[in-house]
N, C-alpha and C. Protein backbone atom coordinates (compact mmCIF):
# COMPACT_ATOMS: atom_id res chain seq x y z
N MET A 1 -9.19 23.33 17.37
CA MET A 1 -9.04 22.04 16.72
C MET A 1 -8.15 22.21 15.49
N ASP A 2 -7.12 21.39 15.40
CA ASP A 2 -6.25 21.39 14.23
C ASP A 2 -6.93 20.63 13.10
N LEU A 3 -7.06 21.29 11.96
CA LEU A 3 -7.69 20.65 10.81
C LEU A 3 -6.72 19.70 10.11
N ILE A 4 -7.29 18.78 9.38
CA ILE A 4 -6.51 17.81 8.62
C ILE A 4 -5.47 18.54 7.77
N THR A 5 -4.31 17.93 7.60
CA THR A 5 -3.25 18.57 6.82
C THR A 5 -3.40 18.21 5.34
N GLU A 6 -2.77 19.01 4.53
CA GLU A 6 -2.78 18.77 3.07
C GLU A 6 -2.15 17.41 2.77
N ARG A 7 -1.08 17.07 3.50
CA ARG A 7 -0.41 15.77 3.29
C ARG A 7 -1.33 14.61 3.63
N GLN A 8 -2.12 14.76 4.70
CA GLN A 8 -3.06 13.70 5.06
C GLN A 8 -4.11 13.52 3.95
N VAL A 9 -4.62 14.63 3.45
CA VAL A 9 -5.63 14.57 2.37
C VAL A 9 -5.03 13.87 1.15
N GLU A 10 -3.82 14.23 0.78
CA GLU A 10 -3.16 13.60 -0.36
C GLU A 10 -2.96 12.11 -0.13
N TYR A 11 -2.56 11.74 1.07
CA TYR A 11 -2.33 10.33 1.39
C TYR A 11 -3.64 9.55 1.32
N ILE A 12 -4.72 10.13 1.81
CA ILE A 12 -6.04 9.49 1.73
C ILE A 12 -6.40 9.28 0.27
N LYS A 13 -6.13 10.26 -0.57
CA LYS A 13 -6.43 10.13 -2.01
C LYS A 13 -5.60 9.00 -2.63
N ILE A 14 -4.33 8.91 -2.25
CA ILE A 14 -3.47 7.83 -2.77
C ILE A 14 -3.99 6.48 -2.30
N LEU A 15 -4.27 6.36 -1.01
CA LEU A 15 -4.72 5.08 -0.46
C LEU A 15 -6.06 4.64 -1.04
N SER A 16 -6.88 5.58 -1.46
CA SER A 16 -8.19 5.24 -2.00
C SER A 16 -8.18 5.15 -3.52
N SER A 17 -6.99 5.14 -4.13
CA SER A 17 -6.91 5.08 -5.59
C SER A 17 -6.51 3.71 -6.12
N TYR A 18 -6.31 2.73 -5.25
CA TYR A 18 -5.96 1.38 -5.69
C TYR A 18 -7.15 0.80 -6.45
N ASN A 19 -6.91 0.33 -7.67
CA ASN A 19 -7.99 -0.15 -8.54
C ASN A 19 -8.86 -1.22 -7.91
N CYS A 20 -8.26 -2.19 -7.24
CA CYS A 20 -9.04 -3.33 -6.75
C CYS A 20 -9.84 -3.02 -5.48
N SER A 21 -9.68 -1.83 -4.91
CA SER A 21 -10.43 -1.55 -3.68
C SER A 21 -11.08 -0.16 -3.67
N LYS A 22 -11.19 0.45 -4.84
CA LYS A 22 -11.74 1.81 -4.89
C LYS A 22 -13.14 1.92 -4.28
N LYS A 23 -14.01 0.98 -4.61
CA LYS A 23 -15.39 1.04 -4.11
C LYS A 23 -15.44 0.92 -2.59
N GLU A 24 -14.67 -0.04 -2.06
CA GLU A 24 -14.66 -0.24 -0.61
C GLU A 24 -14.05 0.96 0.11
N ASP A 25 -12.98 1.51 -0.47
CA ASP A 25 -12.34 2.68 0.12
C ASP A 25 -13.28 3.88 0.13
N GLU A 26 -13.97 4.07 -0.99
CA GLU A 26 -14.92 5.18 -1.08
C GLU A 26 -16.02 5.01 -0.03
N ALA A 27 -16.49 3.78 0.14
CA ALA A 27 -17.52 3.50 1.16
C ALA A 27 -16.99 3.78 2.56
N ASP A 28 -15.74 3.38 2.82
CA ASP A 28 -15.13 3.65 4.13
C ASP A 28 -15.04 5.15 4.39
N ILE A 29 -14.64 5.90 3.40
CA ILE A 29 -14.50 7.35 3.56
C ILE A 29 -15.86 7.98 3.82
N ILE A 30 -16.85 7.60 3.02
CA ILE A 30 -18.21 8.15 3.19
C ILE A 30 -18.75 7.81 4.57
N ASN A 31 -18.59 6.56 4.98
CA ASN A 31 -19.09 6.14 6.30
C ASN A 31 -18.37 6.87 7.43
N TYR A 32 -17.05 7.04 7.28
CA TYR A 32 -16.29 7.74 8.32
C TYR A 32 -16.76 9.19 8.43
N LEU A 33 -16.93 9.85 7.30
CA LEU A 33 -17.40 11.24 7.31
C LEU A 33 -18.78 11.33 7.95
N LYS A 34 -19.65 10.41 7.58
CA LYS A 34 -21.01 10.39 8.11
C LYS A 34 -21.00 10.19 9.64
N GLN A 35 -20.18 9.23 10.10
CA GLN A 35 -20.10 8.94 11.53
C GLN A 35 -19.61 10.13 12.34
N HIS A 36 -18.81 10.98 11.71
CA HIS A 36 -18.23 12.13 12.41
C HIS A 36 -18.93 13.44 12.05
N GLY A 37 -20.06 13.34 11.35
CA GLY A 37 -20.85 14.52 11.02
C GLY A 37 -20.14 15.51 10.11
N LYS A 38 -19.34 15.00 9.20
CA LYS A 38 -18.57 15.87 8.29
C LYS A 38 -19.07 15.67 6.86
N GLN A 39 -18.93 16.72 6.06
CA GLN A 39 -19.38 16.67 4.66
C GLN A 39 -18.25 16.27 3.71
N ASN A 40 -17.01 16.61 4.09
CA ASN A 40 -15.88 16.30 3.22
C ASN A 40 -14.61 16.17 4.06
N LEU A 41 -13.54 15.72 3.41
CA LEU A 41 -12.26 15.48 4.10
C LEU A 41 -11.71 16.73 4.77
N LEU A 42 -11.89 17.87 4.15
CA LEU A 42 -11.30 19.10 4.67
C LEU A 42 -11.90 19.54 6.01
N GLN A 43 -13.01 18.95 6.39
CA GLN A 43 -13.63 19.28 7.68
C GLN A 43 -13.11 18.40 8.81
N LEU A 44 -12.33 17.39 8.48
CA LEU A 44 -11.79 16.50 9.51
C LEU A 44 -10.67 17.17 10.30
N SER A 45 -10.49 16.73 11.52
CA SER A 45 -9.35 17.18 12.32
C SER A 45 -8.13 16.34 11.92
N LYS A 46 -6.96 16.74 12.39
CA LYS A 46 -5.75 15.94 12.15
C LYS A 46 -5.93 14.53 12.70
N LYS A 47 -6.47 14.44 13.90
CA LYS A 47 -6.67 13.15 14.55
C LYS A 47 -7.62 12.28 13.73
N GLU A 48 -8.72 12.85 13.28
CA GLU A 48 -9.68 12.10 12.48
C GLU A 48 -9.06 11.68 11.14
N GLY A 49 -8.27 12.56 10.54
CA GLY A 49 -7.57 12.21 9.31
C GLY A 49 -6.66 11.02 9.52
N GLY A 50 -5.94 11.02 10.64
CA GLY A 50 -5.06 9.90 10.98
C GLY A 50 -5.84 8.61 11.18
N GLU A 51 -6.99 8.69 11.83
CA GLU A 51 -7.83 7.51 12.04
C GLU A 51 -8.32 6.95 10.70
N LEU A 52 -8.73 7.83 9.81
CA LEU A 52 -9.20 7.40 8.49
C LEU A 52 -8.07 6.75 7.70
N ILE A 53 -6.89 7.31 7.78
CA ILE A 53 -5.73 6.73 7.11
C ILE A 53 -5.48 5.31 7.63
N GLN A 54 -5.57 5.11 8.92
CA GLN A 54 -5.36 3.79 9.50
C GLN A 54 -6.39 2.78 8.99
N ILE A 55 -7.62 3.22 8.82
CA ILE A 55 -8.66 2.34 8.27
C ILE A 55 -8.29 1.93 6.85
N LEU A 56 -7.87 2.89 6.04
CA LEU A 56 -7.53 2.62 4.65
C LEU A 56 -6.28 1.75 4.52
N LEU A 57 -5.32 1.93 5.41
CA LEU A 57 -4.09 1.13 5.37
C LEU A 57 -4.34 -0.36 5.63
N LYS A 58 -5.40 -0.67 6.34
CA LYS A 58 -5.70 -2.07 6.66
C LYS A 58 -6.36 -2.80 5.51
N ARG A 59 -6.87 -2.06 4.53
CA ARG A 59 -7.57 -2.69 3.40
C ARG A 59 -6.62 -3.56 2.60
N GLN A 60 -7.10 -4.73 2.21
CA GLN A 60 -6.31 -5.66 1.40
C GLN A 60 -6.31 -5.20 -0.06
N SER A 61 -5.19 -5.42 -0.71
CA SER A 61 -5.06 -5.04 -2.12
C SER A 61 -4.08 -6.00 -2.78
N GLU A 62 -4.05 -5.96 -4.09
CA GLU A 62 -3.17 -6.86 -4.82
C GLU A 62 -1.79 -6.23 -5.01
N TYR A 63 -0.77 -7.03 -4.79
CA TYR A 63 0.62 -6.60 -4.99
C TYR A 63 1.24 -7.50 -6.05
N THR A 64 1.93 -6.89 -7.01
CA THR A 64 2.60 -7.64 -8.06
C THR A 64 4.10 -7.55 -7.86
N PHE A 65 4.74 -8.70 -7.78
CA PHE A 65 6.19 -8.78 -7.62
C PHE A 65 6.87 -8.54 -8.97
N PRO A 66 8.16 -8.24 -8.97
CA PRO A 66 8.87 -7.99 -10.24
C PRO A 66 8.78 -9.17 -11.22
N CYS A 67 8.66 -10.39 -10.69
CA CYS A 67 8.58 -11.58 -11.55
C CYS A 67 7.19 -11.79 -12.13
N GLY A 68 6.21 -11.01 -11.66
CA GLY A 68 4.84 -11.14 -12.14
C GLY A 68 3.92 -11.90 -11.20
N LYS A 69 4.47 -12.56 -10.18
CA LYS A 69 3.62 -13.23 -9.19
C LYS A 69 2.81 -12.17 -8.47
N LYS A 70 1.62 -12.57 -8.02
CA LYS A 70 0.74 -11.64 -7.33
C LYS A 70 0.32 -12.24 -5.99
N THR A 71 0.05 -11.36 -5.06
CA THR A 71 -0.47 -11.79 -3.76
C THR A 71 -1.34 -10.66 -3.20
N ILE A 72 -2.06 -10.97 -2.16
CA ILE A 72 -2.90 -9.98 -1.50
C ILE A 72 -2.22 -9.58 -0.19
N LEU A 73 -2.02 -8.27 -0.03
CA LEU A 73 -1.40 -7.71 1.18
C LEU A 73 -2.21 -6.50 1.60
N ASN A 74 -2.04 -6.07 2.85
CA ASN A 74 -2.69 -4.82 3.22
C ASN A 74 -1.88 -3.65 2.65
N LYS A 75 -2.54 -2.52 2.51
CA LYS A 75 -1.90 -1.37 1.86
C LYS A 75 -0.69 -0.86 2.64
N GLN A 76 -0.69 -1.05 3.93
CA GLN A 76 0.46 -0.61 4.71
C GLN A 76 1.72 -1.38 4.27
N LYS A 77 1.59 -2.68 4.09
CA LYS A 77 2.74 -3.48 3.64
C LYS A 77 3.12 -3.10 2.20
N ILE A 78 2.13 -2.92 1.37
CA ILE A 78 2.41 -2.55 -0.02
C ILE A 78 3.18 -1.24 -0.07
N ASN A 79 2.74 -0.26 0.68
CA ASN A 79 3.43 1.04 0.69
C ASN A 79 4.84 0.89 1.23
N CYS A 80 5.01 0.06 2.23
CA CYS A 80 6.33 -0.19 2.80
C CYS A 80 7.25 -0.78 1.74
N TYR A 81 6.76 -1.77 1.01
CA TYR A 81 7.58 -2.41 -0.02
C TYR A 81 7.85 -1.46 -1.18
N ASN A 82 6.90 -0.58 -1.47
CA ASN A 82 7.13 0.41 -2.53
C ASN A 82 8.24 1.38 -2.15
N VAL A 83 8.36 1.67 -0.87
CA VAL A 83 9.41 2.58 -0.39
C VAL A 83 10.74 1.85 -0.23
N LEU A 84 10.71 0.68 0.41
CA LEU A 84 11.94 -0.05 0.69
C LEU A 84 12.49 -0.80 -0.52
N GLY A 85 11.64 -1.11 -1.47
CA GLY A 85 12.08 -1.77 -2.69
C GLY A 85 11.64 -3.20 -2.82
N PHE A 86 11.77 -3.70 -4.05
CA PHE A 86 11.29 -5.04 -4.39
C PHE A 86 11.99 -6.13 -3.59
N MET A 87 13.24 -5.93 -3.20
CA MET A 87 13.96 -6.97 -2.48
C MET A 87 13.27 -7.30 -1.15
N GLU A 88 12.81 -6.28 -0.46
CA GLU A 88 12.08 -6.50 0.81
C GLU A 88 10.82 -7.29 0.56
N ALA A 89 10.09 -6.93 -0.48
CA ALA A 89 8.85 -7.64 -0.79
C ALA A 89 9.14 -9.10 -1.12
N CYS A 90 10.17 -9.32 -1.93
CA CYS A 90 10.52 -10.69 -2.32
C CYS A 90 10.94 -11.52 -1.11
N MET A 91 11.69 -10.93 -0.21
CA MET A 91 12.16 -11.67 0.97
C MET A 91 11.04 -11.98 1.95
N HIS A 92 10.12 -11.04 2.12
CA HIS A 92 9.15 -11.17 3.20
C HIS A 92 7.74 -11.56 2.79
N ALA A 93 7.42 -11.45 1.51
CA ALA A 93 6.02 -11.67 1.15
C ALA A 93 5.81 -12.54 -0.10
N CYS A 94 6.88 -13.10 -0.63
CA CYS A 94 6.74 -13.91 -1.84
C CYS A 94 5.76 -15.06 -1.60
N PRO A 95 4.80 -15.24 -2.49
CA PRO A 95 3.83 -16.32 -2.31
C PRO A 95 4.40 -17.71 -2.61
N ASP A 96 5.59 -17.76 -3.21
CA ASP A 96 6.23 -19.03 -3.53
C ASP A 96 6.87 -19.59 -2.26
N GLU A 97 6.35 -20.67 -1.75
CA GLU A 97 6.83 -21.25 -0.49
C GLU A 97 8.28 -21.72 -0.57
N ARG A 98 8.78 -22.00 -1.77
CA ARG A 98 10.18 -22.44 -1.91
C ARG A 98 11.14 -21.31 -1.54
N ILE A 99 10.71 -20.09 -1.68
CA ILE A 99 11.57 -18.94 -1.39
C ILE A 99 11.81 -18.85 0.12
N ASN A 100 10.74 -18.88 0.90
CA ASN A 100 10.81 -18.91 2.36
C ASN A 100 11.84 -17.93 2.93
N GLY A 101 11.81 -16.70 2.43
CA GLY A 101 12.69 -15.66 2.96
C GLY A 101 14.07 -15.61 2.32
N ASN A 102 14.41 -16.60 1.51
CA ASN A 102 15.73 -16.62 0.88
C ASN A 102 15.58 -16.34 -0.61
N ILE A 103 15.79 -15.09 -0.99
CA ILE A 103 15.59 -14.69 -2.38
C ILE A 103 16.54 -15.39 -3.34
N HIS A 104 17.61 -15.96 -2.84
CA HIS A 104 18.55 -16.66 -3.71
C HIS A 104 18.00 -18.02 -4.16
N ASN A 105 16.88 -18.43 -3.59
CA ASN A 105 16.19 -19.65 -4.05
C ASN A 105 15.30 -19.37 -5.25
N CYS A 106 15.27 -18.13 -5.68
CA CYS A 106 14.36 -17.73 -6.75
C CYS A 106 15.15 -17.35 -8.01
N SER A 107 14.97 -18.14 -9.05
CA SER A 107 15.67 -17.83 -10.31
C SER A 107 15.14 -16.54 -10.93
N ASP A 108 13.85 -16.26 -10.74
CA ASP A 108 13.28 -15.01 -11.26
C ASP A 108 13.93 -13.80 -10.61
N PHE A 109 14.17 -13.89 -9.31
CA PHE A 109 14.78 -12.76 -8.60
C PHE A 109 16.19 -12.51 -9.12
N GLU A 110 16.96 -13.57 -9.28
CA GLU A 110 18.34 -13.41 -9.76
C GLU A 110 18.36 -12.72 -11.12
N LYS A 111 17.48 -13.14 -12.03
CA LYS A 111 17.40 -12.52 -13.36
C LYS A 111 17.02 -11.05 -13.26
N PHE A 112 16.01 -10.77 -12.45
CA PHE A 112 15.53 -9.39 -12.30
C PHE A 112 16.61 -8.52 -11.67
N TYR A 113 17.26 -9.02 -10.64
CA TYR A 113 18.30 -8.27 -9.94
C TYR A 113 19.46 -7.95 -10.88
N GLU A 114 19.90 -8.94 -11.67
CA GLU A 114 20.98 -8.71 -12.63
C GLU A 114 20.59 -7.66 -13.66
N ALA A 115 19.34 -7.69 -14.11
CA ALA A 115 18.87 -6.70 -15.08
C ALA A 115 18.87 -5.31 -14.46
N GLU A 116 18.50 -5.21 -13.19
CA GLU A 116 18.51 -3.92 -12.50
C GLU A 116 19.94 -3.39 -12.36
N LEU A 117 20.88 -4.29 -12.06
CA LEU A 117 22.28 -3.89 -11.96
C LEU A 117 22.81 -3.40 -13.29
N ASP A 118 22.43 -4.05 -14.37
CA ASP A 118 22.86 -3.63 -15.71
C ASP A 118 22.35 -2.23 -16.04
N LYS A 119 21.16 -1.89 -15.56
CA LYS A 119 20.59 -0.56 -15.81
C LYS A 119 21.42 0.54 -15.15
N THR A 120 22.00 0.24 -14.00
CA THR A 120 22.75 1.26 -13.26
C THR A 120 24.20 1.32 -13.68
N ALA A 121 24.66 0.35 -14.43
CA ALA A 121 26.08 0.32 -14.85
C ALA A 121 26.34 1.25 -16.01
């Protein structure tokens, strides 16, 4: 049996560190370990580690856009937007219905984007 990898353990720690869902994540981890007869994460197999990660990725959490607007998304989407950047989040998940996928409808986005460009110049 291949044991859980160090990267999986680290990812589980990251996914369970979101402030608004720490208690629920901790309960999910404890329940998962209990269901599989394990005492701690290091006793899990790679497959079990992957299953636990999938459970944690589905948990809802709060996401804050660059303009300060907030919405609730699952952690998988939040992580995706953290990697791909704020523009993806603004285009696909903005809670402002006027935006509707077109970030150019958002005056906050234009201001933020120009400020980001100034930083790189």
